[in-house]
Amino acid sequence: MSSTRPFFAARAEEVIDRWVERALRSFGWREKVISYTGYGTTDCVRILARVVLVPGRATSGLAKDVEEFVRRRGFRNFVTAPCVRNPIKIVVGDLEIDTETDRGGYLDCRVHDHGLAPGWRQATLRSRGSKPVKADVQVVGDDVDFGIVSDIDDTVITTWLPRPLIAGWNSFIRDESYRQAPPAMAWMYRQLVERHPGAPVVYISTGAWNTHPFLARFLKRHRFPPGPMLLTDWGPTNTGFFRSGAAHKVNSMHQLTRDFPNIKWLLIGDDGQHDPELYSAFAAVAPEYVRAILIRQLTPTEQLLAHGSATALTQFGVRADLVPSVEAPDGRGLLAGWNELEEA
């Protein structure tokens, strides 16, 4: 008979996190709620957040300057300690819900019968030892049938993942002002959203939740439409040492079909990793939820930095027999191809 207990590495991580949490609390570290952008319908919204411990507030001018410098660097996002199984209160509309974080300090809660109207709304989150924070929530109208699922790495931001040295430098040292958006991609996203008011744009990545603040600033700086991000926890899972990035993306897309049964999605990615295969596999099992697949073609230099070869990692591309597709090197080419598909 198989055990239902979590993988031993996950259990060990929780024990260590609890010990670290107790130690840091004794040194005066304080609770902080980090809110992520939520989404949902008029029936149910998904609230995402994390409760962590952070150093006590800096008081001197020099300390504040140092704190601000570190905050702007990528590694600051990882200088936190999760609050394990920590109570937290959610206020959505007129509802108040008491729940708790998971073993990684994360909150993933669905709130039904919230009474919020379509549009951008806010929930309020507060743990026992933190100040209340606002969480943006996009409530999608019942009449919306168009949405965008977007990869992040090399699709909306040039990260050159997964090369360890470059990825580590970009994630832990540089701030977002050094990162670039691929040509005309933000413009294309804005054009699509203008044509479909109220349409959700969901960004999915295998990157860590710790990078959410940086990614949110980057998207705003480069004028990408706001939207929820579905990221991952880099720690052990309940079944192994590492989680599958491909499985995370596919599972997230399937979850979106359950959350938005009326929406057909435009899937946007790049050919630097496995987006063509993942999107094709998703379209094979859920074709009724896919409008088309748009793939940004990386340059030979980008391909080399992304995975060590000057040619695309995948040689198969999108299966044209499953769903309409467009491939182009930038946003203008992708939008032109999408316009042709719509007119056909």
Protein backbone atom coordinates (compact mmCIF):
# COMPACT_ATOMS: atom_id res chain seq x y z
CA MET A 1 0.00 0.00 0.00
CA SER A 2 1.51 3.33 -1.04
CA SER A 3 1.95 6.11 1.51
CA THR A 4 0.09 9.39 1.23
CA ARG A 5 2.77 11.23 3.19
CA PRO A 6 4.66 13.99 1.33
CA PHE A 7 8.10 13.22 -0.07
CA PHE A 8 10.76 13.20 2.66
CA ALA A 9 12.50 16.27 1.21
CA ALA A 10 9.25 18.24 1.49
CA ARG A 11 8.83 17.13 5.11
CA ALA A 12 12.44 18.04 5.88
CA GLU A 13 12.01 21.45 4.26
CA GLU A 14 8.98 22.18 6.43
CA VAL A 15 10.87 21.22 9.61
CA ILE A 16 13.77 23.48 8.64
CA ASP A 17 11.45 26.35 7.69
CA ARG A 18 9.66 26.12 11.03
CA TRP A 19 12.99 26.20 12.91
CA VAL A 20 14.22 29.17 10.86
CA GLU A 21 10.90 30.95 11.40
CA ARG A 22 11.14 30.59 15.18
CA ALA A 23 14.73 31.78 15.18
CA LEU A 24 14.04 34.85 13.05
CA ARG A 25 10.99 35.82 15.08
CA SER A 26 13.22 35.85 18.16
CA PHE A 27 15.48 38.34 16.35
CA GLY A 28 12.59 40.69 15.69
CA TRP A 29 11.74 39.75 12.13
CA ARG A 30 8.17 40.68 11.25
CA GLU A 31 5.40 39.16 9.16
CA LYS A 32 4.69 40.55 5.74
CA VAL A 33 1.95 39.61 3.29
CA ILE A 34 3.05 39.64 -0.34
CA SER A 35 0.00 39.85 -2.57
CA TYR A 36 -0.11 38.52 -6.11
CA THR A 37 -2.63 39.43 -8.79
CA GLY A 38 -5.73 37.27 -8.60
CA TYR A 39 -8.39 36.47 -11.14
CA GLY A 40 -11.81 34.95 -11.50
CA THR A 41 -15.40 35.29 -12.59
CA THR A 42 -18.53 36.79 -11.08
CA ASP A 43 -19.03 33.43 -9.35
CA CYS A 44 -15.56 32.70 -7.97
CA VAL A 45 -12.20 34.47 -7.64
CA ARG A 46 -8.77 33.00 -6.97
CA ILE A 47 -6.69 34.86 -4.36
CA LEU A 48 -2.90 34.35 -4.45
CA ALA A 49 -0.40 35.56 -1.86
CA ARG A 50 2.45 34.58 0.45
CA VAL A 51 3.23 35.34 4.08
CA VAL A 52 6.92 35.70 4.91
CA LEU A 53 9.21 37.09 7.58
CA VAL A 54 11.34 40.07 6.71
CA PRO A 55 13.91 42.05 8.72
CA GLY A 56 12.56 44.70 11.07
CA ARG A 57 12.01 48.14 9.59
CA ALA A 58 15.17 50.15 8.97
CA THR A 59 15.34 53.39 10.97
CA SER A 60 18.50 55.25 10.03
CA GLY A 61 18.97 57.04 6.73
CA LEU A 62 21.91 54.80 5.78
CA ALA A 63 19.97 51.67 6.67
CA LYS A 64 17.06 52.79 4.52
CA ASP A 65 19.40 53.50 1.59
CA VAL A 66 20.97 50.05 1.91
CA GLU A 67 17.53 48.41 2.15
CA GLU A 68 16.36 50.19 -0.99
CA PHE A 69 19.52 49.21 -2.89
CA VAL A 70 19.11 45.56 -1.92
CA ARG A 71 15.39 45.63 -2.73
CA ARG A 72 16.15 46.68 -6.29
CA ARG A 73 18.55 43.79 -6.77
CA GLY A 74 17.15 40.41 -7.73
CA PHE A 75 18.54 38.53 -4.75
CA ARG A 76 16.48 40.70 -2.36
CA ASN A 77 13.42 38.80 -3.54
CA PHE A 78 14.91 35.61 -2.09
CA VAL A 79 15.90 37.05 1.34
CA THR A 80 12.69 35.95 3.03
CA ALA A 81 11.51 33.14 5.26
CA PRO A 82 8.07 31.56 4.80
CA CYS A 83 5.49 31.62 7.57
CA VAL A 84 4.44 27.97 7.64
CA ARG A 85 0.73 27.17 8.14
CA ASN A 86 0.19 30.76 9.20
CA PRO A 87 -3.36 32.10 9.78
CA ILE A 88 -4.49 34.78 7.36
CA LYS A 89 -7.73 36.71 6.85
CA ILE A 90 -9.13 37.49 3.40
CA VAL A 91 -11.72 40.20 2.82
CA VAL A 92 -13.41 40.07 -0.59
CA GLY A 93 -16.39 42.35 -1.02
CA ASP A 94 -18.58 41.77 2.04
CA LEU A 95 -17.04 38.37 2.77
CA GLU A 96 -14.42 37.66 5.46
CA ILE A 97 -12.62 34.33 5.27
CA ASP A 98 -10.14 32.88 7.76
CA THR A 99 -7.69 30.44 6.26
CA GLU A 100 -3.97 29.64 6.45
CA THR A 101 -0.89 29.42 4.28
CA ASP A 102 0.63 26.13 3.14
CA ARG A 103 3.99 24.68 4.15
CA GLY A 104 5.76 27.17 1.88
CA GLY A 105 3.92 30.20 3.23
CA TYR A 106 1.76 30.42 0.09
CA LEU A 107 -1.94 31.15 -0.12
CA ASP A 108 -4.05 29.87 -3.01
CA CYS A 109 -7.69 30.31 -2.08
CA ARG A 110 -10.89 30.40 -4.09
CA VAL A 111 -13.71 32.60 -2.84
CA HIS A 112 -17.24 31.89 -4.08
CA ASP A 113 -20.28 34.16 -4.08
CA HIS A 114 -18.12 37.24 -3.57
CA GLY A 115 -20.50 39.72 -5.18
CA LEU A 116 -17.82 41.63 -7.12
CA ALA A 117 -18.73 43.15 -10.48
CA PRO A 118 -16.56 42.55 -13.58
CA GLY A 119 -13.42 44.67 -13.83
CA TRP A 120 -10.34 45.27 -11.72
CA ARG A 121 -11.19 44.90 -8.02
CA GLN A 122 -9.27 44.48 -4.79
CA ALA A 123 -9.21 42.07 -1.89
CA THR A 124 -7.64 42.81 1.49
CA LEU A 125 -5.23 40.35 3.13
CA ARG A 126 -3.85 40.38 6.66
CA SER A 127 -2.00 37.93 8.85
CA ARG A 128 -1.92 38.12 12.64
CA GLY A 129 1.35 40.04 12.72
CA SER A 130 1.23 42.08 9.51
CA LYS A 131 -0.37 45.21 8.18
CA PRO A 132 -3.29 44.76 5.77
CA VAL A 133 -2.36 44.77 2.09
CA LYS A 134 -4.44 45.10 -1.05
CA ALA A 135 -4.47 42.41 -3.71
CA ASP A 136 -5.57 43.25 -7.24
CA VAL A 137 -8.14 40.85 -8.69
CA GLN A 138 -9.37 40.79 -12.26
CA VAL A 139 -13.02 39.74 -12.37
CA VAL A 140 -13.83 38.64 -15.91
CA GLY A 141 -17.33 39.23 -17.22
CA ASP A 142 -19.59 36.31 -18.16
CA ASP A 143 -19.76 37.54 -21.77
CA VAL A 144 -15.97 37.47 -22.33
CA ASP A 145 -14.88 34.63 -24.64
CA PHE A 146 -11.33 35.73 -25.55
CA GLY A 147 -8.21 35.47 -23.44
CA ILE A 148 -4.42 35.34 -23.73
CA VAL A 149 -2.06 32.85 -22.13
CA SER A 150 1.51 34.08 -22.39
CA ASP A 151 4.85 32.55 -21.61
CA ILE A 152 7.27 34.98 -19.92
CA ASP A 153 10.88 33.92 -20.54
CA ASP A 154 12.02 35.01 -24.01
CA THR A 155 8.43 35.86 -24.96
CA VAL A 156 7.83 39.09 -23.02
CA ILE A 157 11.26 39.40 -21.39
CA THR A 158 14.71 38.44 -22.62
CA THR A 159 16.02 36.26 -19.81
CA TRP A 160 18.11 33.77 -21.81
CA LEU A 161 17.09 30.96 -19.50
CA PRO A 162 18.12 28.29 -18.62
CA ARG A 163 21.84 29.09 -18.93
CA PRO A 164 22.80 29.05 -15.21
CA LEU A 165 25.37 31.85 -15.18
CA ILE A 166 23.30 34.28 -17.22
CA ALA A 167 20.06 33.36 -15.47
CA GLY A 168 21.69 33.70 -12.07
CA TRP A 169 23.21 37.08 -12.91
CA ASN A 170 19.93 38.39 -14.27
CA SER A 171 17.78 36.99 -11.44
CA PHE A 172 19.95 37.76 -8.44
CA ILE A 173 22.14 40.75 -9.33
CA ARG A 174 20.72 43.00 -12.03
CA ASP A 175 17.50 44.94 -11.61
CA GLU A 176 14.72 45.12 -14.19
CA SER A 177 16.08 48.27 -15.85
CA TYR A 178 18.75 46.10 -17.51
CA ARG A 179 16.27 43.63 -18.99
CA GLN A 180 14.64 44.11 -22.36
CA ALA A 181 11.32 43.26 -23.97
CA PRO A 182 11.35 41.60 -27.42
CA PRO A 183 10.47 44.00 -30.27
CA ALA A 184 6.81 45.07 -30.47
CA MET A 185 5.55 42.30 -28.17
CA ALA A 186 4.05 44.72 -25.64
CA TRP A 187 2.46 46.68 -28.50
CA MET A 188 0.89 43.49 -29.87
CA TYR A 189 -0.57 42.56 -26.48
CA ARG A 190 -2.08 46.04 -26.09
CA GLN A 191 -3.62 45.82 -29.55
CA LEU A 192 -5.22 42.48 -28.73
CA VAL A 193 -6.63 43.69 -25.43
CA GLU A 194 -8.01 46.87 -27.04
CA ARG A 195 -9.92 44.71 -29.51
CA HIS A 196 -11.29 42.52 -26.71
CA PRO A 197 -12.09 44.72 -23.70
CA GLY A 198 -12.12 42.83 -20.44
CA ALA A 199 -10.12 39.90 -21.81
CA PRO A 200 -7.73 38.34 -19.27
CA VAL A 201 -4.00 38.11 -19.95
CA VAL A 202 -2.44 35.34 -17.87
CA TYR A 203 1.35 35.07 -17.73
CA ILE A 204 2.71 31.58 -16.98
CA SER A 205 6.33 30.84 -16.14
CA THR A 206 8.45 28.22 -14.41
CA GLY A 207 10.20 31.07 -12.58
CA ALA A 208 9.97 31.36 -8.81
CA TRP A 209 7.23 33.30 -7.04
CA ASN A 210 10.04 35.27 -5.40
CA THR A 211 10.57 37.10 -8.70
CA HIS A 212 6.95 38.30 -8.89
CA PRO A 213 7.70 41.88 -7.71
CA PHE A 214 10.45 42.25 -10.31
CA LEU A 215 8.29 40.82 -13.10
CA ALA A 216 5.35 43.06 -12.18
CA ARG A 217 7.59 46.14 -12.35
CA PHE A 218 9.03 44.98 -15.67
CA LEU A 219 5.61 44.44 -17.26
CA LYS A 220 4.46 47.87 -16.11
CA ARG A 221 7.65 49.57 -17.28
CA HIS A 222 7.31 48.10 -20.77
CA ARG A 223 3.55 48.68 -20.92
CA PHE A 224 2.38 45.08 -21.11
CA PRO A 225 -1.27 44.67 -20.12
CA PRO A 226 -1.66 43.85 -16.41
CA GLY A 227 -2.69 40.33 -15.54
CA PRO A 228 -2.18 37.50 -13.09
CA MET A 229 1.07 35.55 -13.12
CA LEU A 230 1.20 31.83 -12.38
CA LEU A 231 4.72 31.04 -11.15
CA THR A 232 6.23 28.18 -9.14
CA ASP A 233 7.92 27.38 -5.86
CA TRP A 234 11.46 26.16 -6.45
CA GLY A 235 11.44 23.94 -3.35
CA PRO A 236 10.76 20.19 -3.11
CA THR A 237 7.31 18.91 -4.04
CA ASN A 238 5.15 16.32 -2.33
CA THR A 239 6.48 13.70 -4.76
CA GLY A 240 10.11 14.60 -5.48
CA PHE A 241 13.06 16.95 -5.19
CA PHE A 242 12.08 19.13 -8.16
CA ARG A 243 8.85 20.08 -9.88
CA SER A 244 8.32 19.77 -13.61
CA GLY A 245 8.22 23.11 -15.40
CA ALA A 246 6.36 21.58 -18.34
CA ALA A 247 3.77 20.03 -16.04
CA HIS A 248 3.31 23.37 -14.27
CA LYS A 249 2.49 25.12 -17.53
CA VAL A 250 0.12 22.43 -18.78
CA ASN A 251 -1.63 22.09 -15.42
CA SER A 252 -2.04 25.87 -15.23
CA MET A 253 -3.68 25.96 -18.66
CA HIS A 254 -6.04 23.14 -17.75
CA GLN A 255 -6.94 25.00 -14.57
CA LEU A 256 -7.80 28.08 -16.63
CA THR A 257 -10.23 26.02 -18.72
CA ARG A 258 -12.04 25.09 -15.52
CA ASP A 259 -11.97 28.64 -14.17
CA PHE A 260 -13.12 30.17 -17.49
CA PRO A 261 -15.22 27.59 -19.36
CA ASN A 262 -16.45 30.20 -21.87
CA ILE A 263 -13.04 31.45 -23.00
CA LYS A 264 -10.99 30.28 -25.96
CA TRP A 265 -7.33 31.17 -25.44
CA LEU A 266 -4.69 32.64 -27.70
CA LEU A 267 -1.49 30.86 -26.62
CA ILE A 268 1.68 32.94 -27.04
CA GLY A 269 5.21 31.61 -26.53
CA ASP A 270 8.59 31.22 -28.22
CA ASP A 271 10.68 28.53 -29.86
CA GLY A 272 13.61 28.81 -27.45
CA GLN A 273 12.31 26.03 -25.22
CA HIS A 274 9.32 23.71 -25.49
CA ASP A 275 6.34 26.04 -25.95
CA PRO A 276 5.40 24.67 -29.41
CA GLU A 277 5.19 21.10 -28.09
CA LEU A 278 3.45 22.07 -24.84
CA TYR A 279 0.87 24.20 -26.59
CA SER A 280 0.29 21.54 -29.25
CA ALA A 281 -0.17 18.88 -26.56
CA PHE A 282 -2.68 21.10 -24.77
CA ALA A 283 -4.54 21.79 -28.02
CA ALA A 284 -4.70 18.05 -28.72
CA VAL A 285 -6.66 17.35 -25.52
CA ALA A 286 -8.58 20.63 -25.25
CA PRO A 287 -9.02 22.01 -28.80
CA GLU A 288 -12.28 23.73 -27.87
CA TYR A 289 -10.33 26.08 -25.59
CA VAL A 290 -7.65 27.17 -28.08
CA ARG A 291 -8.09 29.89 -30.73
CA ALA A 292 -4.56 29.81 -32.10
CA ILE A 293 -0.91 29.50 -31.14
CA LEU A 294 1.54 32.38 -31.72
CA ILE A 295 5.25 31.54 -31.49
CA ARG A 296 7.98 34.16 -31.39
CA GLN A 297 11.06 32.97 -33.30
CA LEU A 298 14.29 33.67 -31.44
CA THR A 299 17.33 34.94 -33.32
CA PRO A 300 20.33 32.59 -33.67
CA THR A 301 22.11 34.57 -30.93
CA GLU A 302 19.12 34.27 -28.60
CA GLN A 303 18.88 30.55 -29.36
CA LEU A 304 22.57 30.11 -28.55
CA LEU A 305 22.25 31.93 -25.24
CA ALA A 306 19.02 30.13 -24.38
CA HIS A 307 20.18 26.54 -24.78
CA GLY A 308 23.64 26.41 -26.36
CA SER A 309 22.63 25.88 -29.99
CA ALA A 310 22.09 28.45 -32.74
CA THR A 311 19.04 26.57 -34.02
CA ALA A 312 15.65 26.11 -32.40
CA LEU A 313 15.56 23.52 -29.66
CA THR A 314 12.46 21.98 -31.15
CA GLN A 315 12.41 20.80 -34.73
CA PHE A 316 8.72 19.94 -34.81
CA GLY A 317 6.98 23.28 -34.21
CA VAL A 318 3.26 23.62 -33.72
CA ARG A 319 1.05 20.90 -35.15
CA ALA A 320 -0.86 22.79 -37.82
CA ASP A 321 -3.46 20.00 -38.02
CA LEU A 322 -4.57 20.73 -34.45
CA VAL A 323 -4.93 24.49 -34.29
CA PRO A 324 -4.11 27.59 -36.41
CA SER A 325 -0.65 28.96 -35.72
CA VAL A 326 1.64 31.86 -36.55
CA GLU A 327 5.42 32.10 -36.24
CA ALA A 328 7.33 35.39 -36.54
CA PRO A 329 10.39 37.05 -34.95
CA ASP A 330 8.51 39.93 -33.32
CA GLY A 331 5.16 41.27 -32.24
CA ARG A 332 4.38 43.02 -35.50
CA GLY A 333 4.86 39.85 -37.52
CA LEU A 334 2.79 37.81 -35.07
CA LEU A 335 -0.06 40.31 -35.08
CA ALA A 336 -0.04 40.49 -38.88
CA GLY A 337 -0.28 36.70 -39.03
CA TRP A 338 -3.08 36.68 -36.47
CA ASN A 339 -4.98 39.31 -38.46
CA GLU A 340 -4.79 37.07 -41.51
CA LEU A 341 -6.14 34.12 -39.51
CA GLU A 342 -9.08 36.18 -38.27
CA GLU A 343 -9.90 37.42 -41.76
CA ALA A 344 -9.70 33.96 -43.30
